[in-house]
Structures are given as structure tokens and as C-alpha cells.
C-alpha atoms as a PDB file:
ATOM      1  CA  MET A   1       1.977  10.826  14.680  1.00  0.00           C
ATOM      2  CA  LYS A   2       2.659  11.288  10.979  1.00  0.00           C
ATOM      3  CA  PHE A   3      -0.195  10.445   8.633  1.00  0.00           C
ATOM      4  CA  GLU A   4       1.851   7.910   6.631  1.00  0.00           C
ATOM      5  CA  LYS A   5       2.702   5.990   9.820  1.00  0.00           C
ATOM      6  CA  ILE A   6      -0.989   5.378  10.383  1.00  0.00           C
ATOM      7  CA  ILE A   7      -2.372   4.808   6.892  1.00  0.00           C
ATOM      8  CA  ASP A   8      -0.827   3.255   3.799  1.00  0.00           C
ATOM      9  CA  LEU A   9      -0.686   6.127   1.324  1.00  0.00           C
ATOM     10  CA  LYS A  10      -1.524   4.010  -1.749  1.00  0.00           C
ATOM     11  CA  HIS A  11      -4.731   2.894  -0.059  1.00  0.00           C
ATOM     12  CA  TRP A  12      -5.489   6.416   1.134  1.00  0.00           C
ATOM     13  CA  GLN A  13      -5.083   7.810  -2.387  1.00  0.00           C
ATOM     14  CA  LYS A  14      -7.769   5.354  -3.561  1.00  0.00           C
ATOM     15  CA  VAL A  15     -10.011   6.224  -0.606  1.00  0.00           C
ATOM     16  CA  GLN A  16      -9.578   9.931  -1.336  1.00  0.00           C
ATOM     17  CA  THR A  17     -10.410   9.445  -5.032  1.00  0.00           C
ATOM     18  CA  ILE A  18     -13.599   7.489  -4.272  1.00  0.00           C
ATOM     19  CA  PHE A  19     -14.555   9.990  -1.562  1.00  0.00           C
ATOM     20  CA  SER A  20     -14.040  12.832  -4.049  1.00  0.00           C
ATOM     21  CA  SER A  21     -16.340  11.187  -6.584  1.00  0.00           C
ATOM     22  CA  LEU A  22     -19.026  10.718  -3.906  1.00  0.00           C
ATOM     23  CA  ILE A  23     -19.126  14.367  -2.822  1.00  0.00           C
ATOM     24  CA  GLY A  24     -18.292  15.863  -6.227  1.00  0.00           C
ATOM     25  CA  ILE A  25     -15.489  18.073  -4.884  1.00  0.00           C
ATOM     26  CA  SER A  26     -11.758  17.996  -5.596  1.00  0.00           C
ATOM     27  CA  LEU A  27      -9.685  16.647  -2.676  1.00  0.00           C
ATOM     28  CA  LYS A  28      -6.041  16.439  -1.673  1.00  0.00           C
ATOM     29  CA  THR A  29      -4.298  15.583   1.598  1.00  0.00           C
ATOM     30  CA  ILE A  30      -1.492  17.539   3.227  1.00  0.00           C
ATOM     31  CA  GLY A  31       0.654  16.559   6.191  1.00  0.00           C
ATOM     32  CA  GLN A  32       1.205  18.349   9.498  1.00  0.00           C
ATOM     33  CA  ASN A  33       3.676  20.738   7.882  1.00  0.00           C
ATOM     34  CA  GLY A  34       1.727  21.369   4.688  1.00  0.00           C
ATOM     35  CA  GLU A  35       3.546  18.808   2.539  1.00  0.00           C
ATOM     36  CA  LEU A  36       1.420  17.070  -0.100  1.00  0.00           C
ATOM     37  CA  ILE A  37       0.916  13.421   0.883  1.00  0.00           C
ATOM     38  CA  ALA A  38      -1.977  12.462  -1.415  1.00  0.00           C
ATOM     39  CA  GLY A  39      -2.186  14.166  -4.796  1.00  0.00           C
ATOM     40  CA  PRO A  40      -5.341  15.897  -6.022  1.00  0.00           C
ATOM     41  CA  SER A  41      -8.365  13.764  -6.851  1.00  0.00           C
ATOM     42  CA  ASN A  42     -10.792  15.177  -9.422  1.00  0.00           C
ATOM     43  CA  PHE A  43      -8.351  18.044 -10.062  1.00  0.00           C
ATOM     44  CA  PRO A  44     -10.344  21.083 -11.295  1.00  0.00           C
ATOM     45  CA  ALA A  45      -9.481  22.794 -14.576  1.00  0.00           C
ATOM     46  CA  ILE A  46      -9.112  26.111 -12.780  1.00  0.00           C
ATOM     47  CA  CYS A  47      -5.986  24.671 -11.128  1.00  0.00           C
ATOM     48  CA  SER A  48      -4.719  22.309 -13.841  1.00  0.00           C
ATOM     49  CA  GLU A  49      -5.165  24.769 -16.729  1.00  0.00           C
ATOM     50  CA  THR A  50      -5.246  28.387 -15.566  1.00  0.00           C
ATOM     51  CA  VAL A  51      -3.064  28.325 -12.436  1.00  0.00           C
ATOM     52  CA  ALA A  52      -0.583  25.889 -13.982  1.00  0.00           C
ATOM     53  CA  ALA A  53      -0.097  28.294 -16.898  1.00  0.00           C
ATOM     54  CA  SER A  54       1.118  31.111 -14.614  1.00  0.00           C
ATOM     55  CA  ALA A  55       4.492  30.895 -12.852  1.00  0.00           C
ATOM     56  CA  ALA A  56       3.389  33.568 -10.354  1.00  0.00           C
ATOM     57  CA  ALA A  57       0.159  31.708  -9.533  1.00  0.00           C
ATOM     58  CA  LYS A  58       1.979  28.378  -9.128  1.00  0.00           C
ATOM     59  CA  LYS A  59       4.452  29.980  -6.748  1.00  0.00           C
ATOM     60  CA  LYS A  60       1.674  31.529  -4.656  1.00  0.00           C
ATOM     61  CA  CYS A  61      -0.142  28.195  -4.351  1.00  0.00           C
ATOM     62  CA  SER A  62       2.966  26.091  -3.599  1.00  0.00           C
ATOM     63  CA  GLN A  63       4.034  28.443  -0.799  1.00  0.00           C
ATOM     64  CA  TRP A  64       0.576  28.680   0.702  1.00  0.00           C
ATOM     65  CA  TYR A  65       0.073  25.219   2.240  1.00  0.00           C
ATOM     66  CA  PRO A  66       3.122  25.166   4.573  1.00  0.00           C
ATOM     67  CA  LYS A  67       2.112  28.584   5.941  1.00  0.00           C
ATOM     68  CA  PHE A  68      -1.511  27.462   6.146  1.00  0.00           C
ATOM     69  CA  ALA A  69      -0.622  24.276   8.110  1.00  0.00           C
ATOM     70  CA  VAL A  70       1.506  26.237  10.591  1.00  0.00           C
ATOM     71  CA  ASN A  71      -1.356  28.684  11.099  1.00  0.00           C
ATOM     72  CA  LEU A  72      -3.866  25.879  11.722  1.00  0.00           C
ATOM     73  CA  LYS A  73      -1.731  24.512  14.573  1.00  0.00           C
ATOM     74  CA  THR A  74      -2.343  27.746  16.476  1.00  0.00           C
ATOM     75  CA  GLN A  75      -6.121  27.693  15.937  1.00  0.00           C
ATOM     76  CA  PRO A  76      -8.711  26.212  18.333  1.00  0.00           C
ATOM     77  CA  PHE A  77      -9.809  22.762  17.152  1.00  0.00           C
ATOM     78  CA  GLN A  78     -12.718  22.737  14.692  1.00  0.00           C
ATOM     79  CA  LYS A  79     -14.306  20.022  12.568  1.00  0.00           C
ATOM     80  CA  TYR A  80     -13.362  22.054   9.516  1.00  0.00           C
ATOM     81  CA  TYR A  81     -11.815  25.363   8.557  1.00  0.00           C
ATOM     82  CA  GLU A  82     -13.054  27.560   5.733  1.00  0.00           C
ATOM     83  CA  TYR A  83     -10.345  29.570   4.034  1.00  0.00           C
ATOM     84  CA  VAL A  84      -9.664  31.560   0.899  1.00  0.00           C
ATOM     85  CA  CYS A  85      -6.622  30.500  -1.127  1.00  0.00           C
ATOM     86  CA  PRO A  86      -4.112  33.060  -2.520  1.00  0.00           C
ATOM     87  CA  LEU A  87      -6.218  33.428  -5.677  1.00  0.00           C
ATOM     88  CA  GLY A  88      -9.390  34.200  -3.745  1.00  0.00           C
ATOM     89  CA  LEU A  89     -11.082  30.792  -4.099  1.00  0.00           C
ATOM     90  CA  VAL A  90     -13.027  29.134  -1.257  1.00  0.00           C
ATOM     91  CA  ASN A  91     -11.632  25.873   0.146  1.00  0.00           C
ATOM     92  CA  PHE A  92     -12.203  23.777   3.262  1.00  0.00           C
ATOM     93  CA  ALA A  93      -9.621  22.020   5.427  1.00  0.00           C
ATOM     94  CA  MET A  94     -10.795  19.061   7.501  1.00  0.00           C
ATOM     95  CA  PRO A  95      -8.312  17.799  10.121  1.00  0.00           C
ATOM     96  CA  VAL A  96      -7.638  14.046  10.116  1.00  0.00           C
ATOM     97  CA  ILE A  97      -7.506  13.315  13.853  1.00  0.00           C
ATOM     98  CA  PHE A  98      -5.595  10.411  15.370  1.00  0.00           C
ATOM     99  CA  ASP A  99      -4.692  10.135  19.046  1.00  0.00           C
ATOM    100  CA  LYS A 100      -6.227  13.569  19.688  1.00  0.00           C
ATOM    101  CA  GLU A 101      -4.029  15.441  17.229  1.00  0.00           C
ATOM    102  CA  ALA A 102      -4.205  16.401  13.572  1.00  0.00           C
ATOM    103  CA  SER A 103      -1.963  14.070  11.566  1.00  0.00           C
ATOM    104  CA  GLY A 104      -2.890  15.884   8.371  1.00  0.00           C
ATOM    105  CA  TYR A 105      -5.624  17.827   6.628  1.00  0.00           C
ATOM    106  CA  LEU A 106      -7.996  16.861   3.844  1.00  0.00           C
ATOM    107  CA  ILE A 107      -8.366  19.882   1.570  1.00  0.00           C
ATOM    108  CA  ALA A 108     -11.720  20.137  -0.219  1.00  0.00           C
ATOM    109  CA  GLY A 109     -12.045  22.653  -3.028  1.00  0.00           C
ATOM    110  CA  PRO A 110     -11.976  25.037  -4.597  1.00  0.00           C
ATOM    111  CA  VAL A 111     -15.743  25.468  -4.626  1.00  0.00           C
ATOM    112  CA  VAL A 112     -18.235  28.265  -5.096  1.00  0.00           C
ATOM    113  CA  PHE A 113     -21.283  28.819  -2.936  1.00  0.00           C
ATOM    114  CA  GLU A 114     -24.668  28.660  -4.622  1.00  0.00           C
ATOM    115  CA  ASN A 115     -25.931  32.044  -5.848  1.00  0.00           C
ATOM    116  CA  SER A 116     -22.523  33.647  -5.306  1.00  0.00           C
ATOM    117  CA  LYS A 117     -21.320  36.261  -7.789  1.00  0.00           C
ATOM    118  CA  HIS A 118     -17.903  37.228  -9.099  1.00  0.00           C
ATOM    119  CA  ASP A 119     -16.016  39.233  -6.494  1.00  0.00           C
ATOM    120  CA  VAL A 120     -14.030  42.302  -7.578  1.00  0.00           C
ATOM    121  CA  HIS A 121     -11.250  41.172  -5.233  1.00  0.00           C
ATOM    122  CA  LEU A 122     -11.103  37.887  -7.157  1.00  0.00           C
ATOM    123  CA  THR A 123     -10.537  39.755 -10.414  1.00  0.00           C
ATOM    124  CA  GLN A 124      -7.780  41.780  -8.785  1.00  0.00           C
ATOM    125  CA  LYS A 125      -6.023  38.680  -7.442  1.00  0.00           C
ATOM    126  CA  ILE A 126      -5.967  36.853 -10.790  1.00  0.00           C
ATOM    127  CA  GLN A 127      -4.671  39.966 -12.555  1.00  0.00           C
ATOM    128  CA  GLU A 128      -1.842  40.220 -10.009  1.00  0.00           C
ATOM    129  CA  ALA A 129      -1.015  36.547 -10.623  1.00  0.00           C
ATOM    130  CA  GLY A 130      -0.836  37.071 -14.386  1.00  0.00           C
ATOM    131  CA  ILE A 131      -3.712  34.708 -15.154  1.00  0.00           C
ATOM    132  CA  ALA A 132      -5.829  35.112 -18.297  1.00  0.00           C
ATOM    133  CA  GLU A 133      -9.080  36.496 -16.940  1.00  0.00           C
ATOM    134  CA  GLU A 134     -11.410  35.070 -19.602  1.00  0.00           C
ATOM    135  CA  LYS A 135      -9.999  31.557 -19.232  1.00  0.00           C
ATOM    136  CA  PHE A 136     -10.057  31.809 -15.442  1.00  0.00           C
ATOM    137  CA  PHE A 137     -13.751  32.656 -15.248  1.00  0.00           C
ATOM    138  CA  GLU A 138     -14.599  30.024 -17.866  1.00  0.00           C
ATOM    139  CA  CYS A 139     -13.114  27.432 -15.473  1.00  0.00           C
ATOM    140  CA  PHE A 140     -14.502  29.218 -12.411  1.00  0.00           C
ATOM    141  CA  ASN A 141     -18.048  28.676 -13.719  1.00  0.00           C
ATOM    142  CA  LYS A 142     -17.366  24.909 -13.840  1.00  0.00           C
ATOM    143  CA  LEU A 143     -16.479  24.654 -10.149  1.00  0.00           C
ATOM    144  CA  PRO A 144     -18.944  22.677  -8.008  1.00  0.00           C
ATOM    145  CA  ALA A 145     -21.616  24.869  -6.419  1.00  0.00           C
ATOM    146  CA  VAL A 146     -22.075  23.946  -2.762  1.00  0.00           C
ATOM    147  CA  ASN A 147     -24.278  24.863   0.159  1.00  0.00           C
ATOM    148  CA  THR A 148     -24.004  24.229   3.889  1.00  0.00           C
ATOM    149  CA  LEU A 149     -25.650  20.799   3.508  1.00  0.00           C
ATOM    150  CA  THR A 150     -23.071  19.700   0.919  1.00  0.00           C
ATOM    151  CA  ILE A 151     -20.206  20.684   3.212  1.00  0.00           C
ATOM    152  CA  SER A 152     -21.889  19.132   6.264  1.00  0.00           C
ATOM    153  CA  ASN A 153     -22.260  15.807   4.427  1.00  0.00           C
ATOM    154  CA  ALA A 154     -18.608  15.864   3.376  1.00  0.00           C
ATOM    155  CA  ILE A 155     -17.514  16.524   6.964  1.00  0.00           C
ATOM    156  CA  GLU A 156     -19.808  13.760   8.240  1.00  0.00           C
ATOM    157  CA  PHE A 157     -18.251  11.298   5.761  1.00  0.00           C
ATOM    158  CA  LEU A 158     -14.705  12.227   6.752  1.00  0.00           C
ATOM    159  CA  ASN A 159     -15.468  12.059  10.472  1.00  0.00           C
ATOM    160  CA  SER A 160     -16.874   8.546  10.029  1.00  0.00           C
ATOM    161  CA  ILE A 161     -13.753   7.435   8.147  1.00  0.00           C
ATOM    162  CA  THR A 162     -11.252   8.924  10.595  1.00  0.00           C
ATOM    163  CA  LEU A 163     -13.167   7.622  13.630  1.00  0.00           C
ATOM    164  CA  PHE A 164     -13.044   4.158  12.055  1.00  0.00           C
ATOM    165  CA  MET A 165      -9.289   4.412  11.516  1.00  0.00           C
ATOM    166  CA  SER A 166      -8.737   5.751  15.038  1.00  0.00           C
ATOM    167  CA  ARG A 167     -10.676   2.890  16.637  1.00  0.00           C
ATOM    168  CA  PHE A 168      -9.008   0.398  14.330  1.00  0.00           C
ATOM    169  CA  MET A 169      -5.544   1.682  15.332  1.00  0.00           C
ATOM    170  CA  GLU A 170      -6.442   1.234  19.008  1.00  0.00           C
ATOM    171  CA  LEU A 171      -7.392  -2.376  18.296  1.00  0.00           C
ATOM    172  CA  HIS A 172      -4.263  -2.893  16.219  1.00  0.00           C
ATOM    173  CA  SER A 173      -2.085  -1.607  19.077  1.00  0.00           C
ATOM    174  CA  ALA A 174      -3.828  -3.942  21.539  1.00  0.00           C
ATOM    175  CA  VAL A 175      -3.443  -7.016  19.337  1.00  0.00           C
ATOM    176  CA  GLY A 176       0.175  -6.271  18.352  1.00  0.00           C
ATOM    177  CA  LYS A 177       1.781  -8.952  16.201  1.00  0.00           C
ATOM    178  CA  ALA A 178      -0.721 -11.651  17.156  1.00  0.00           C
ATOM    179  CA  ASP A 179      -2.715 -13.260  14.351  1.00  0.00           C
ATOM    180  CA  ILE A 180      -6.105 -11.600  14.654  1.00  0.00           C
ATOM    181  CA  ALA A 181      -7.809 -14.486  12.816  1.00  0.00           C
ATOM    182  CA  LEU A 182      -7.036 -16.742  15.805  1.00  0.00           C
ATOM    183  CA  ASN A 183      -8.795 -14.497  18.325  1.00  0.00           C
ATOM    184  CA  LYS A 184     -12.574 -14.720  18.008  1.00  0.00           C
ATOM    185  CA  GLU A 185     -13.172 -11.833  20.423  1.00  0.00           C
ATOM    186  CA  LYS A 186     -10.851  -9.513  18.464  1.00  0.00           C
ATOM    187  CA  VAL A 187     -12.402 -10.581  15.153  1.00  0.00           C
ATOM    188  CA  ALA A 188     -15.840  -9.647  16.478  1.00  0.00           C
ATOM    189  CA  GLU A 189     -14.519  -6.290  17.722  1.00  0.00           C
ATOM    190  CA  LEU A 190     -12.854  -5.556  14.380  1.00  0.00           C
ATOM    191  CA  LEU A 191     -16.058  -6.323  12.467  1.00  0.00           C
ATOM    192  CA  ARG A 192     -18.070  -4.212  14.910  1.00  0.00           C
ATOM    193  CA  ILE A 193     -15.817  -1.245  14.113  1.00  0.00           C
ATOM    194  CA  PHE A 194     -16.469  -1.865  10.416  1.00  0.00           C
ATOM    195  CA  LEU A 195     -20.217  -2.022  11.048  1.00  0.00           C
ATOM    196  CA  ASP A 196     -20.308   1.263  12.987  1.00  0.00           C
ATOM    197  CA  MET A 197     -18.476   3.022  10.162  1.00  0.00           C
ATOM    198  CA  ALA A 198     -20.652   1.476   7.431  1.00  0.00           C
ATOM    199  CA  MET A 199     -23.880   2.408   9.252  1.00  0.00           C
ATOM    200  CA  LYS A 200     -22.782   6.057   9.493  1.00  0.00           C
ATOM    201  CA  LEU A 201     -21.496   6.336   5.932  1.00  0.00           C
ATOM    202  CA  CYS A 202     -24.623   4.732   4.494  1.00  0.00           C
ATOM    203  CA  ASP A 203     -27.078   6.394   6.889  1.00  0.00           C
ATOM    204  CA  ALA A 204     -28.496   2.883   7.362  1.00  0.00           C
ATOM    205  CA  GLU A 205     -31.201   1.855   9.836  1.00  0.00           C
ATOM    206  CA  CYS A 206     -30.216  -1.786  10.137  1.00  0.00           C
ATOM    207  CA  GLY A 207     -27.037  -3.784  10.026  1.00  0.00           C
ATOM    208  CA  SER A 208     -25.317  -6.868  11.364  1.00  0.00           C
ATOM    209  CA  VAL A 209     -21.975  -8.506  11.990  1.00  0.00           C
ATOM    210  CA  MET A 210     -21.796 -12.209  11.244  1.00  0.00           C
ATOM    211  CA  VAL A 211     -18.722 -14.014  12.574  1.00  0.00           C
ATOM    212  CA  PHE A 212     -17.460 -17.210  10.940  1.00  0.00           C
ATOM    213  CA  GLU A 213     -16.898 -20.090  13.360  1.00  0.00           C
ATOM    214  CA  LYS A 214     -14.230 -22.502  12.060  1.00  0.00           C
ATOM    215  CA  SER A 215     -15.351 -25.439  14.206  1.00  0.00           C
ATOM    216  CA  THR A 216     -18.892 -25.463  12.806  1.00  0.00           C
ATOM    217  CA  GLN A 217     -18.104 -23.766   9.475  1.00  0.00           C
ATOM    218  CA  GLU A 218     -21.066 -21.466  10.140  1.00  0.00           C
ATOM    219  CA  LEU A 219     -21.824 -17.775  10.211  1.00  0.00           C
ATOM    220  CA  SER A 220     -23.757 -16.482  13.211  1.00  0.00           C
ATOM    221  CA  ILE A 221     -24.854 -12.950  14.125  1.00  0.00           C
ATOM    222  CA  ASN A 222     -22.560 -11.477  16.760  1.00  0.00           C
ATOM    223  CA  ASP A 223     -23.871  -7.895  16.731  1.00  0.00           C
ATOM    224  CA  ALA A 224     -26.936  -6.308  15.152  1.00  0.00           C
ATOM    225  CA  LYS A 225     -28.807  -3.039  14.848  1.00  0.00           C
ATOM    226  CA  GLY A 226     -32.445  -2.857  13.778  1.00  0.00           C
ATOM    227  CA  LEU A 227     -32.956  -6.659  13.747  1.00  0.00           C
ATOM    228  CA  SER A 228     -35.279  -8.687  15.972  1.00  0.00           C
ATOM    229  CA  ASP A 229     -33.885 -10.867  18.771  1.00  0.00           C
ATOM    230  CA  GLU A 230     -35.413 -13.887  17.018  1.00  0.00           C
ATOM    231  CA  VAL A 231     -33.516 -13.220  13.782  1.00  0.00           C
ATOM    232  CA  VAL A 232     -30.280 -12.650  15.704  1.00  0.00           C
ATOM    233  CA  SER A 233     -30.515 -15.869  17.737  1.00  0.00           C
ATOM    234  CA  GLU A 234     -31.803 -18.180  14.996  1.00  0.00           C
ATOM    235  CA  THR A 235     -29.662 -17.153  12.006  1.00  0.00           C
ATOM    236  CA  LYS A 236     -26.968 -19.732  11.255  1.00  0.00           C
ATOM    237  CA  LEU A 237     -25.554 -19.950   7.718  1.00  0.00           C
ATOM    238  CA  LYS A 238     -22.987 -22.115   6.011  1.00  0.00           C
ATOM    239  CA  GLN A 239     -21.010 -21.127   2.929  1.00  0.00           C
ATOM    240  CA  GLY A 240     -23.413 -20.739   0.011  1.00  0.00           C
ATOM    241  CA  GLU A 241     -26.504 -20.403   2.223  1.00  0.00           C
ATOM    242  CA  GLY A 242     -28.474 -17.174   2.236  1.00  0.00           C
ATOM    243  CA  ILE A 243     -27.064 -13.962   0.846  1.00  0.00           C
ATOM    244  CA  ALA A 244     -24.264 -13.748   3.432  1.00  0.00           C
ATOM    245  CA  GLY A 245     -23.174 -17.303   2.634  1.00  0.00           C
ATOM    246  CA  LEU A 246     -23.284 -16.487  -1.074  1.00  0.00           C
ATOM    247  CA  THR A 247     -20.868 -13.578  -0.620  1.00  0.00           C
ATOM    248  CA  ILE A 248     -18.370 -15.996   0.955  1.00  0.00           C
ATOM    249  CA  GLU A 249     -18.828 -18.491  -1.871  1.00  0.00           C
ATOM    250  CA  ARG A 250     -18.386 -15.770  -4.519  1.00  0.00           C
ATOM    251  CA  ARG A 251     -15.749 -13.940  -2.453  1.00  0.00           C
ATOM    252  CA  LYS A 252     -17.196 -10.555  -3.390  1.00  0.00           C
ATOM    253  CA  SER A 253     -19.488  -7.899  -1.947  1.00  0.00           C
ATOM    254  CA  LEU A 254     -23.087  -7.600  -3.087  1.00  0.00           C
ATOM    255  CA  PHE A 255     -25.135  -4.449  -3.638  1.00  0.00           C
ATOM    256  CA  LEU A 256     -28.834  -5.272  -3.314  1.00  0.00           C
ATOM    257  CA  ASN A 257     -31.523  -2.957  -4.668  1.00  0.00           C
ATOM    258  CA  ASP A 258     -34.727  -2.877  -6.720  1.00  0.00           C
ATOM    259  CA  GLN A 259     -32.827  -3.073 -10.011  1.00  0.00           C
ATOM    260  CA  LEU A 260     -30.986  -6.294  -9.140  1.00  0.00           C
ATOM    261  CA  SER A 261     -31.298  -8.823 -11.969  1.00  0.00           C
ATOM    262  CA  ASP A 262     -29.331 -11.738 -10.447  1.00  0.00           C
ATOM    263  CA  ARG A 263     -32.042 -14.415 -10.029  1.00  0.00           C
ATOM    264  CA  GLU A 264     -29.981 -16.470  -7.563  1.00  0.00           C
ATOM    265  CA  ILE A 265     -29.746 -13.480  -5.232  1.00  0.00           C
ATOM    266  CA  ARG A 266     -33.371 -12.338  -5.652  1.00  0.00           C
ATOM    267  CA  LEU A 267     -34.622 -15.771  -4.545  1.00  0.00           C
ATOM    268  CA  ARG A 268     -32.737 -15.290  -1.269  1.00  0.00           C
ATOM    269  CA  MET A 269     -34.119 -11.812  -0.511  1.00  0.00           C
ATOM    270  CA  HIS A 270     -36.763 -12.183   2.207  1.00  0.00           C
ATOM    271  CA  ARG A 271     -37.030  -8.617   3.548  1.00  0.00           C
ATOM    272  CA  PRO A 272     -39.160  -6.631   1.046  1.00  0.00           C
ATOM    273  CA  LYS A 273     -39.042  -3.452   3.188  1.00  0.00           C
ATOM    274  CA  ILE A 274     -35.289  -3.109   2.576  1.00  0.00           C
ATOM    275  CA  LYS A 275     -34.764  -0.930  -0.504  1.00  0.00           C
ATOM    276  CA  SER A 276     -30.960  -1.064  -0.609  1.00  0.00           C
ATOM    277  CA  ALA A 277     -28.289  -3.097   1.171  1.00  0.00           C
ATOM    278  CA  PHE A 278     -24.583  -3.897   1.105  1.00  0.00           C
ATOM    279  CA  VAL A 279     -23.364  -7.361   2.092  1.00  0.00           C
ATOM    280  CA  ILE A 280     -19.577  -7.403   2.481  1.00  0.00           C
ATOM    281  CA  PRO A 281     -17.482 -10.518   3.228  1.00  0.00           C
ATOM    282  CA  VAL A 282     -14.300  -9.846   5.221  1.00  0.00           C
ATOM    283  CA  PHE A 283     -11.254 -11.997   4.519  1.00  0.00           C
ATOM    284  CA  TYR A 284      -7.885 -11.930   6.269  1.00  0.00           C
ATOM    285  CA  LYS A 285      -4.917 -13.786   4.756  1.00  0.00           C
ATOM    286  CA  ASN A 286      -7.401 -15.689   2.588  1.00  0.00           C
ATOM    287  CA  GLU A 287      -9.429 -16.785   5.644  1.00  0.00           C
ATOM    288  CA  ILE A 288     -13.027 -15.711   6.137  1.00  0.00           C
ATOM    289  CA  LEU A 289     -13.547 -13.626   9.284  1.00  0.00           C
ATOM    290  CA  GLY A 290     -17.198 -12.795   8.773  1.00  0.00           C
ATOM    291  CA  VAL A 291     -19.759 -10.760   6.871  1.00  0.00           C
ATOM    292  CA  ILE A 292     -20.966  -7.179   7.392  1.00  0.00           C
ATOM    293  CA  SER A 293     -24.453  -6.216   6.217  1.00  0.00           C
ATOM    294  CA  VAL A 294     -26.107  -2.786   6.219  1.00  0.00           C
ATOM    295  CA  GLY A 295     -29.468  -1.818   4.803  1.00  0.00           C
ATOM    296  CA  THR A 296     -32.113   0.892   4.562  1.00  0.00           C
ATOM    297  CA  ALA A 297     -35.840   1.090   3.901  1.00  0.00           C
ATOM    298  CA  LYS A 298     -35.526   4.704   2.730  1.00  0.00           C
ATOM    299  CA  LYS A 299     -35.738   5.698  -0.890  1.00  0.00           C
ATOM    300  CA  PRO A 300     -33.889   7.586  -2.205  1.00  0.00           C
ATOM    301  CA  ASN A 301     -30.829   6.838  -0.095  1.00  0.00           C
ATOM    302  CA  ARG A 302     -27.034   7.043  -0.127  1.00  0.00           C
ATOM    303  CA  PHE A 303     -26.390   3.493  -1.340  1.00  0.00           C
ATOM    304  CA  CYS A 304     -24.450   3.384  -4.613  1.00  0.00           C
ATOM    305  CA  ASP A 305     -21.577   1.519  -6.292  1.00  0.00           C
ATOM    306  CA  ASN A 306     -19.021   4.173  -5.292  1.00  0.00           C
ATOM    307  CA  LEU A 307     -19.993   3.953  -1.634  1.00  0.00           C
ATOM    308  CA  MET A 308     -19.635   0.169  -1.606  1.00  0.00           C
ATOM    309  CA  GLU A 309     -16.245   0.548  -3.303  1.00  0.00           C
ATOM    310  CA  LEU A 310     -15.233   2.997  -0.564  1.00  0.00           C
ATOM    311  CA  LEU A 311     -16.247   0.563   2.191  1.00  0.00           C
ATOM    312  CA  ASN A 312     -14.339  -2.280   0.545  1.00  0.00           C
ATOM    313  CA  GLU A 313     -11.233  -0.102   0.204  1.00  0.00           C
ATOM    314  CA  LEU A 314     -11.384   0.965   3.857  1.00  0.00           C
ATOM    315  CA  VAL A 315     -11.748  -2.643   5.028  1.00  0.00           C
ATOM    316  CA  GLY A 316      -8.825  -3.672   2.823  1.00  0.00           C
ATOM    317  CA  MET A 317      -6.702  -0.768   4.062  1.00  0.00           C
ATOM    318  CA  ALA A 318      -7.271  -1.761   7.696  1.00  0.00           C
ATOM    319  CA  LEU A 319      -6.667  -5.484   7.268  1.00  0.00           C
ATOM    320  CA  GLU A 320      -3.530  -4.962   5.216  1.00  0.00           C
ATOM    321  CA  LYS A 321      -1.930  -3.277   8.218  1.00  0.00           C
ATOM    322  CA  PHE A 322      -2.395  -6.463  10.241  1.00  0.00           C
ATOM    323  CA  SER A 323      -0.959  -8.503   7.357  1.00  0.00           C
ATOM    324  CA  LEU A 324       2.173  -6.339   7.020  1.00  0.00           C
ATOM    325  CA  ASP A 325       3.127  -6.174  10.717  1.00  0.00           C
END
């Protein structure tokens, strides 16, 4: 299935841009046949300045991706593929898998590996492409330096996102044109998918799904990880109560950490072991479905404003598909 049939491209462009800022590497997305479907995020100067100034280099790069995509279709499936672009720069291609096939590829790079040195073959390639050598290496030295851990983290992030979208699409197909807000079981399943993704992206030890019950106008915990049975069974919140209820009242996500200055929120924080947490209300067609919370006792940790923005964008991207059908 084509990438754009699964994911709204405007949303994906935002997701890609936030993702790029989190891992510090330039990203773009190509389709099954190598066509560009999401333009470069965090476009490096080595491409925007040096390559763009050479007609020969631009031609080499524009012709590369269709050939590259065709070649990938013949390769055994891998979580990612390392390759060298026509100018000798290292890039990574991560397949975006839906329904057991690659609907597209997220291209990460170019990058340089830590402690790597200029390759004589690189000099030869840029001379053949008619690129100014001094300018090229000035930009080359600004490329992000990566190691295996950096790449592994990027792959882990992408796998979490695509698994979320794959599971969400399965749910979407099962629900069809029905109004998901009217089906409590499907609401709980949808929020559980969100929770699984958020836990992986944040590397969180605890999290919960609170579902909003219209008849009682209360939030109750439907699914939890790392919480006691007592907390799960006894927690009931109305709008404005507790931190989860406050997110509904304010209609915005909250990022909780040691630097939080909001007195109203601090008075509601009763778990001192938690160093960072996201509390995200989920609305559908202006109706509250529930609240997702994830937290960690580790410090330092992955929690940051960009990561919360990414989670919000992914939730919005998924729910918009229900709204448009």
C-alpha cells in the first residue's frame, strides 16, 4: 500500500521534522519507487549549498533514489540499510513497514562516523561532480558525528512509530466508518496503542490509560504498567481533579519535571520518585476519550518538549484519519 494512503503527508512532514530534531540527523521520506514524499527536515549545508551549486552533483543525487529503491526491493528485509550516496557520504534507509511490506523509506543522513577521516575516494567523487573541494569539506565537518548507539536509538524510535501506525490501521480497518467515540471497548484499545508507543519512545517504566465515562463524567484507569493494583482500582477523577483531570480542563498536555513552576500542578504531584512525566489528554471531534500518562524515575532520561510534541502529533495524525473517513 502506498505511504500516502496510510498516513496524511502534512502530518507526517511534521512528525519527520520533530523526529529529526530529536535525533539530530537530517531526514527525508521516499516512496516505494524512490519518489520524494516528505521533503528534507534539518537539511544539511553539504546538500543545500555545495551539492545544489553543481549541476552534475544534483543530477547524480536526483537519479540515485529511484535506483536505490528498486535495489532495496530485491534485498532481504532488514531494520535498516547502510549505504553510500553517489558523492561518497554515509546514509541510512529505514523501511516504513505496513501490512508486512515497505510502503516507503525514511532516509537518515548524511552523517559521519565518530573518529572517521577524510577518504581519498570521497575527494575523487566530489572532483568528478565539479564541487568546490574547500567548501565541501567545510560543510562535511559540520555533519553530525554518529556511533552505533545513535543509529540504534534512531531505528528504535522509528520502529515504535511505525508499529503504532500499523496497529492503529488494523483498528481503523476493524472499526470502519463507525464513530469510535461511541464504542468504549474500541476507545480503550486505541488508547492502549497510544500508551504502548509512548512507553517505548520515552523509555518509561510506568504509564496508564484513563478512559472517560460519559455516564459518570469520570476518568478511570483502564490499563496500567508499573502501578499498584490499589491505585488502578481506586483512582476515579472528574474534570479538574488531579493532574489528569486538569489536562482535560486545560485541554492541553502537561510535561512534569523538577523544574516545573506551575504551583497548581505541583500541589497535585504525589509521586516524588517520578522525575519526569507526560500527561496527554486525547480528544476526538471535541469529545474527551481519555488521558495517557507515562513517567520515569530515571535521571537523566529521554523526556523533553520535542518528544511530547512528537507524541501529540502522532495522536493527532491517527485521530484525524477517523475524523476524515
